[in-house]
Protein backbone atom coordinates (compact mmCIF):
# COMPACT_ATOMS: atom_id res chain seq x y z
CA MET A 1 -43.85 -7.00 210.59
CA GLN A 2 -43.81 -10.94 210.51
CA LEU A 3 -42.97 -12.93 213.56
CA GLY A 4 -42.97 -16.56 214.64
CA MET A 5 -44.39 -17.20 218.15
CA ILE A 6 -43.66 -20.49 219.90
CA GLY A 7 -45.59 -20.87 223.32
CA LEU A 8 -49.16 -19.53 223.46
CA GLY A 9 -49.62 -19.75 227.24
CA ARG A 10 -50.64 -16.83 229.59
CA MET A 11 -47.87 -14.63 228.21
CA GLY A 12 -47.19 -15.84 224.79
CA GLY A 13 -50.86 -15.90 223.80
CA ASN A 14 -51.54 -12.35 225.02
CA MET A 15 -48.44 -10.93 223.32
CA THR A 16 -49.59 -12.53 220.13
CA ARG A 17 -52.81 -10.80 220.46
CA ARG A 18 -51.34 -7.40 221.20
CA LEU A 19 -49.14 -7.70 218.12
CA LEU A 20 -52.08 -8.87 215.84
CA LYS A 21 -54.31 -6.15 217.02
CA ASN A 22 -51.58 -3.60 216.02
CA GLY A 23 -51.17 -5.03 212.36
CA HIS A 24 -48.16 -7.44 212.75
CA GLN A 25 -48.37 -10.99 211.01
CA LEU A 26 -47.85 -13.91 213.43
CA VAL A 27 -47.15 -17.52 212.61
CA VAL A 28 -47.86 -19.52 215.92
CA HIS A 29 -47.16 -22.77 217.29
CA ASP A 30 -47.81 -24.57 220.52
CA ARG A 31 -47.76 -28.10 221.73
CA ASN A 32 -51.49 -27.73 222.64
CA ALA A 33 -53.38 -27.55 219.26
CA SER A 34 -56.25 -25.90 221.12
CA ASN A 35 -54.05 -22.87 221.77
CA VAL A 36 -52.93 -22.50 218.17
CA SER A 37 -56.73 -22.92 217.12
CA ALA A 38 -57.69 -20.06 219.45
CA LEU A 39 -55.09 -17.58 217.93
CA THR A 40 -55.76 -18.65 214.34
CA GLY A 41 -59.39 -17.67 215.00
CA GLU A 42 -58.00 -14.27 215.90
CA GLY A 43 -55.96 -13.77 212.84
CA ALA A 44 -52.78 -15.63 213.30
CA LEU A 45 -51.32 -18.23 211.00
CA GLY A 46 -51.15 -21.79 212.54
CA ALA A 47 -48.28 -24.30 212.39
CA ASP A 48 -48.41 -27.74 213.69
CA SER A 49 -44.59 -28.02 214.00
CA LEU A 50 -41.62 -25.95 214.08
CA GLU A 51 -40.70 -26.88 210.49
CA SER A 52 -44.08 -25.53 209.41
CA LEU A 53 -43.59 -22.39 211.37
CA VAL A 54 -40.17 -21.76 209.76
CA GLN A 55 -41.48 -22.52 206.41
CA GLN A 56 -44.31 -19.92 206.66
CA LEU A 57 -41.92 -17.16 207.57
CA GLN A 58 -39.94 -14.93 205.04
CA ALA A 59 -36.29 -14.30 205.40
CA PRO A 60 -34.79 -12.79 207.48
CA ARG A 61 -36.93 -14.76 209.83
CA ALA A 62 -37.65 -13.84 213.55
CA VAL A 63 -38.92 -16.43 215.93
CA TRP A 64 -40.08 -15.58 219.42
CA ILE A 65 -39.74 -18.36 222.19
CA MET A 66 -42.09 -18.05 225.12
CA VAL A 67 -41.91 -21.43 226.87
CA PRO A 68 -40.51 -22.26 230.41
CA ALA A 69 -36.89 -21.73 231.02
CA GLY A 70 -34.51 -24.64 231.13
CA PRO A 71 -34.82 -27.77 229.04
CA PRO A 72 -37.89 -26.51 227.05
CA THR A 73 -36.22 -23.42 225.99
CA GLU A 74 -32.97 -25.18 225.16
CA ASP A 75 -34.53 -28.01 223.31
CA THR A 76 -36.47 -25.32 221.19
CA VAL A 77 -33.33 -23.23 220.43
CA VAL A 78 -31.33 -26.31 219.53
CA ALA A 79 -34.06 -27.60 217.18
CA LEU A 80 -34.55 -24.00 215.52
CA SER A 81 -30.68 -23.80 215.03
CA LYS A 82 -31.23 -26.67 212.49
CA LEU A 83 -34.04 -24.97 210.65
CA LEU A 84 -33.17 -21.27 210.50
CA GLN A 85 -30.54 -19.64 208.25
CA ALA A 86 -27.95 -17.00 208.56
CA GLY A 87 -29.49 -13.55 209.15
CA ASP A 88 -32.54 -15.12 211.16
CA THR A 89 -33.03 -14.17 214.77
CA ILE A 90 -34.12 -16.18 217.79
CA ILE A 91 -35.73 -14.17 220.59
CA ASP A 92 -36.08 -15.90 224.05
CA GLY A 93 -38.68 -13.83 225.94
CA GLY A 94 -38.96 -16.31 228.89
CA ASN A 95 -36.97 -16.25 232.14
CA SER A 96 -33.78 -17.86 231.07
CA PHE A 97 -30.51 -17.74 233.19
CA TYR A 98 -28.35 -14.97 231.49
CA LYS A 99 -25.25 -17.10 231.37
CA ASP A 100 -27.28 -19.77 229.19
CA ASP A 101 -28.03 -16.67 226.78
CA VAL A 102 -24.34 -15.98 226.43
CA ARG A 103 -23.66 -19.76 225.68
CA ARG A 104 -26.63 -19.94 223.26
CA ALA A 105 -25.58 -16.83 221.36
CA GLU A 106 -22.05 -18.38 220.94
CA MET A 107 -23.62 -21.54 219.80
CA LEU A 108 -25.70 -19.90 217.12
CA ALA A 109 -23.06 -17.34 215.92
CA PRO A 110 -21.14 -19.78 213.59
CA HIS A 111 -24.51 -20.32 211.77
CA GLY A 112 -24.93 -16.53 211.39
CA ILE A 113 -28.10 -16.87 213.55
CA HIS A 114 -28.61 -13.91 215.94
CA TYR A 115 -30.01 -14.39 219.41
CA LEU A 116 -31.66 -11.94 221.53
CA ASP A 117 -32.54 -12.49 225.11
CA CYS A 118 -35.64 -10.41 226.19
CA GLY A 119 -36.78 -10.08 229.79
CA THR A 120 -40.45 -9.57 229.61
CA SER A 121 -42.39 -8.14 232.54
CA GLY A 122 -46.17 -7.41 232.42
CA GLY A 123 -47.78 -10.65 233.39
CA ILE A 124 -51.44 -11.33 232.36
CA TRP A 125 -52.12 -7.76 232.11
CA GLY A 126 -49.65 -7.01 229.38
CA GLU A 127 -52.04 -7.36 226.47
CA GLN A 128 -53.76 -4.10 227.74
CA ARG A 129 -51.07 -2.38 229.73
CA GLY A 130 -48.16 -3.54 227.41
CA TYR A 131 -44.83 -5.31 228.41
CA CYS A 132 -41.63 -3.86 229.89
CA LEU A 133 -38.85 -5.30 227.77
CA MET A 134 -35.29 -5.65 228.69
CA VAL A 135 -33.32 -6.82 225.55
CA GLY A 136 -29.71 -8.21 225.27
CA GLY A 137 -27.87 -9.34 222.08
CA ALA A 138 -26.64 -7.74 218.87
CA THR A 139 -27.67 -4.16 218.16
CA GLU A 140 -28.16 -5.13 214.46
CA ALA A 141 -30.71 -7.63 215.40
CA PHE A 142 -32.43 -5.41 218.03
CA THR A 143 -32.77 -2.57 215.58
CA ARG A 144 -34.23 -4.64 212.77
CA LEU A 145 -36.92 -5.93 215.19
CA GLU A 146 -37.66 -2.57 216.87
CA PRO A 147 -41.07 -2.55 215.51
CA ILE A 148 -42.08 -5.58 217.33
CA PHE A 149 -40.53 -4.29 220.67
CA ALA A 150 -42.14 -0.99 220.24
CA THR A 151 -45.66 -2.51 219.71
CA LEU A 152 -45.34 -4.85 222.74
CA ALA A 153 -44.03 -2.05 225.01
CA PRO A 154 -46.63 0.19 226.76
CA GLY A 155 -45.32 3.33 225.30
CA GLY A 156 -45.28 6.65 227.39
CA SER A 157 -48.44 5.56 229.23
CA GLY A 158 -48.85 9.01 230.35
CA ILE A 159 -45.73 8.96 232.56
CA PRO A 160 -43.55 12.05 231.77
CA PRO A 161 -39.78 11.45 231.66
CA VAL A 162 -37.70 12.27 234.75
CA PRO A 163 -37.04 16.07 234.84
CA GLY A 164 -33.80 17.17 233.05
CA ARG A 165 -33.58 13.68 231.41
CA GLU A 166 -33.61 15.23 227.89
CA THR A 167 -30.44 17.16 228.59
CA MET A 168 -28.53 14.22 229.92
CA GLU A 169 -26.04 12.43 227.66
CA GLY A 170 -25.81 8.72 227.02
CA LEU A 171 -29.59 8.09 227.85
CA THR A 172 -31.75 6.12 225.52
CA LYS A 173 -35.18 7.36 224.36
CA THR A 174 -36.83 4.00 224.03
CA ALA A 175 -36.59 3.58 227.92
CA GLU A 176 -39.31 6.27 228.16
CA LEU A 177 -41.42 4.06 226.02
CA GLY A 178 -40.86 0.74 227.95
CA TYR A 179 -38.21 -1.11 225.93
CA LEU A 180 -34.54 -1.05 226.16
CA HIS A 181 -31.49 -2.58 224.42
CA CYS A 182 -29.65 -3.25 227.66
CA GLY A 183 -26.32 -4.59 226.21
CA PRO A 184 -24.82 -7.65 224.70
CA SER A 185 -25.97 -11.33 225.02
CA GLY A 186 -27.36 -11.98 228.51
CA ALA A 187 -27.77 -8.32 229.53
CA GLY A 188 -31.52 -8.34 229.03
CA HIS A 189 -32.15 -11.34 231.13
CA TYR A 190 -29.54 -10.07 233.68
CA VAL A 191 -31.44 -6.99 234.21
CA LYS A 192 -34.91 -8.96 234.32
CA MET A 193 -33.21 -11.23 236.84
CA VAL A 194 -32.44 -8.29 239.12
CA HIS A 195 -36.00 -6.86 238.49
CA ASN A 196 -37.51 -10.10 239.85
CA GLY A 197 -35.26 -10.22 242.78
CA ILE A 198 -36.32 -6.73 243.71
CA GLU A 199 -39.89 -7.72 243.14
CA TYR A 200 -39.38 -10.52 245.83
CA GLY A 201 -38.28 -7.83 248.36
CA LEU A 202 -41.12 -5.42 247.47
CA MET A 203 -43.70 -8.10 247.84
CA GLN A 204 -42.36 -9.22 251.19
CA ALA A 205 -42.42 -5.84 252.50
CA TYR A 206 -45.96 -5.29 251.73
CA ALA A 207 -46.81 -8.93 252.96
CA GLU A 208 -45.08 -8.31 256.20
CA GLY A 209 -46.60 -4.80 256.78
CA PHE A 210 -50.11 -5.99 256.30
CA ASP A 211 -49.50 -9.04 258.49
CA ILE A 212 -48.37 -6.67 261.32
CA MET A 213 -51.46 -4.57 261.00
CA ARG A 214 -53.74 -7.71 260.94
CA GLY A 215 -51.87 -8.56 264.23
CA ALA A 216 -52.86 -5.15 265.75
CA SER A 217 -56.16 -6.84 266.98
CA SER A 218 -54.21 -9.48 269.12
CA GLU A 219 -55.73 -10.31 272.52
CA ASN A 220 -52.19 -10.26 273.70
CA LEU A 221 -51.77 -6.52 273.37
CA PRO A 222 -52.41 -4.28 276.32
CA LYS A 223 -55.97 -2.77 276.69
CA GLY A 224 -56.22 0.36 274.59
CA LEU A 225 -53.42 -0.60 272.32
CA SER A 226 -54.94 -3.01 269.97
CA TYR A 227 -56.78 -2.02 266.70
CA ASN A 228 -59.21 -3.86 264.60
CA LEU A 229 -57.96 -2.45 261.22
CA ASN A 230 -59.72 -2.74 257.77
CA LEU A 231 -56.84 -3.89 255.66
CA ALA A 232 -58.86 -3.50 252.46
CA ASP A 233 -59.50 0.20 253.26
CA ILE A 234 -55.84 0.85 254.28
CA ALA A 235 -54.78 -0.71 250.98
CA GLU A 236 -57.16 1.47 248.98
CA LEU A 237 -56.06 4.46 250.98
CA TRP A 238 -52.44 4.06 250.37
CA ARG A 239 -53.04 3.87 246.55
CA ARG A 240 -53.85 7.47 246.71
CA GLY A 241 -50.86 9.96 247.34
CA SER A 242 -48.83 7.49 249.46
CA VAL A 243 -44.99 7.10 248.79
CA VAL A 244 -45.55 3.31 248.83
CA SER A 245 -48.30 3.31 246.00
CA SER A 246 -47.47 0.81 243.19
CA TRP A 247 -48.96 -1.80 240.88
CA LEU A 248 -48.20 -4.36 243.52
CA LEU A 249 -50.22 -2.41 246.18
CA ASP A 250 -53.09 -2.23 243.47
CA LEU A 251 -53.06 -5.99 243.30
CA THR A 252 -53.08 -6.12 247.02
CA ALA A 253 -56.02 -3.83 247.44
CA ASN A 254 -57.94 -6.06 244.87
CA ALA A 255 -57.22 -9.17 246.55
CA LEU A 256 -58.16 -7.70 249.96
CA SER A 257 -61.35 -6.31 248.63
CA THR A 258 -62.62 -9.69 247.36
CA ASP A 259 -61.30 -11.87 250.16
CA GLY A 260 -60.38 -9.91 253.31
CA LYS A 261 -58.94 -12.96 255.01
CA LEU A 262 -57.25 -14.44 251.92
CA SER A 263 -59.01 -17.68 252.70
CA GLY A 264 -58.59 -18.82 249.11
CA TYR A 265 -54.81 -19.06 249.71
CA THR A 266 -52.74 -21.37 251.67
CA GLY A 267 -49.74 -19.39 251.71
CA PHE A 268 -47.47 -21.83 249.85
CA VAL A 269 -45.34 -19.42 247.82
CA GLU A 270 -43.35 -20.70 244.72
CA ASP A 271 -40.22 -18.98 243.34
CA SER A 272 -39.50 -19.05 239.47
CA GLY A 273 -35.83 -19.05 239.78
CA GLU A 274 -34.80 -15.33 239.19
CA GLY A 275 -34.56 -14.61 242.96
CA ARG A 276 -32.09 -17.41 243.43
CA TRP A 277 -30.04 -16.31 240.58
CA THR A 278 -30.10 -12.55 241.68
CA ILE A 279 -28.65 -13.85 245.09
CA GLN A 280 -26.03 -15.95 243.20
CA ALA A 281 -25.02 -12.86 241.10
CA ALA A 282 -24.61 -10.74 244.33
CA LEU A 283 -22.43 -13.40 245.84
CA GLU A 284 -20.15 -13.58 242.70
CA GLU A 285 -19.95 -9.68 242.72
CA GLY A 286 -19.42 -9.38 246.43
CA VAL A 287 -22.50 -7.07 246.76
CA GLY A 288 -24.75 -7.17 249.91
CA ALA A 289 -28.49 -8.19 249.18
CA GLU A 290 -29.79 -8.79 252.61
CA VAL A 291 -33.43 -7.76 251.97
CA LEU A 292 -33.61 -9.84 248.76
CA ALA A 293 -31.95 -12.88 250.39
CA THR A 294 -34.27 -12.86 253.20
CA ALA A 295 -37.32 -12.48 250.78
CA LEU A 296 -36.18 -15.57 248.93
CA PHE A 297 -35.62 -17.70 252.09
CA THR A 298 -39.00 -16.65 253.25
CA ARG A 299 -40.53 -18.27 250.16
CA PHE A 300 -38.72 -21.42 250.94
CA ARG A 301 -39.87 -21.50 254.58
CA SER A 302 -43.51 -20.78 253.31
CA ARG A 303 -43.56 -24.31 251.92
CA GLN A 304 -43.37 -25.73 255.39
CA GLU A 305 -45.50 -23.36 257.51
CA HIS A 306 -47.90 -20.69 256.25
CA THR A 307 -48.80 -17.15 257.57
CA PHE A 308 -51.22 -14.37 256.50
CA ALA A 309 -48.16 -12.75 254.83
CA GLU A 310 -47.51 -15.66 252.73
CA LYS A 311 -51.04 -15.77 251.65
CA MET A 312 -50.78 -12.15 250.64
CA LEU A 313 -47.61 -12.99 248.57
CA SER A 314 -49.69 -15.79 246.89
CA ALA A 315 -52.55 -13.33 246.15
CA MET A 316 -50.07 -10.93 244.53
CA ARG A 317 -48.54 -13.55 242.43
CA LYS A 318 -51.83 -14.61 241.16
CA GLY A 319 -52.67 -10.85 240.48
CA PHE A 320 -49.75 -10.11 238.27
CA GLY A 321 -48.85 -13.45 236.70
CA GLY A 322 -51.99 -15.73 237.07
CA HIS A 323 -50.00 -18.01 239.23
CA ILE A 324 -52.25 -20.61 240.89
CA GLU A 325 -51.12 -22.37 244.09
CA GLN A 326 -50.58 -26.19 243.48
CA PRO A 327 -53.13 -28.34 245.10
CA THR A 328 -51.93 -29.79 248.41
CA GLU A 329 -51.89 -33.40 247.02
CA GLN A 330 -49.70 -32.29 244.14
CA LYS A 331 -47.29 -30.55 246.42
CA VAL A 332 -46.85 -33.87 248.38
CA LYS A 333 -46.43 -35.85 245.18
CA GLN A 334 -43.60 -33.50 244.09
CA GLY A 335 -42.02 -33.61 247.72
CA LEU A 336 -42.72 -29.88 248.16
């Protein structure tokens, strides 16, 4: 299947590679010409402008946007709305706010252009592992582009469905393959928003737990009640048979095995927005979210003082998303 990809960074570039390896034709564009050159060298067709990208696609066209949320995405959607035709589809695979998706879909509807919001989880490992995809928008557009979603998704991954699932009504088979049409416009990014809010809470729990174990060797503890624990070994232990095993724990174990003191991290922990939006949604719905709110506020505090737990959060973020801490001087310039 043919697809245009705009934005060839850590995620967009690897998604393009996964699609190319599985027989899809990609027309790619990025503000950085070297990113385009790298992908054309791997079989994609390059475009030096949005106009060129659209011209190389056959109707009905599909264009996937993988650029930062906010103005970059908004500007790209507006520009494409003037280039595409009725029947074409724009897919926003970034981390846009779901209410913006609803507005954009309404803006494009009079032109007959479909808009799909696609929450995408998988980080820098997605090229090999596949991406978990949460899609919102018109069923018609989702169905037409399902070969794209099926290729990007991890598939069954050797994980059997929950027992009894096959006999339950109203469940969707694609969920077992790693992609799902969640509902109308905004639903995909809404689900991804909550996914990331939960992620904050899980990461915070691991970080605090390992910080407590690190503190078990404190000189302030009574004699005979202090322990010099090997955190790398404990993380590796918990990966096997423990009820707290997860990919985040895998990343934690990897970070501790290479740098037991996490000296390569300051503990300055960014947030990408979804955690804030999750708390906002909880407030609007009147739903309690104590753990997720605390995890978010802890990230805010980390920018003023740093603990071992925050270093662990930074290590996990680098592990799954390739997020690099900003140099101290850059933080000062930005007022962080």
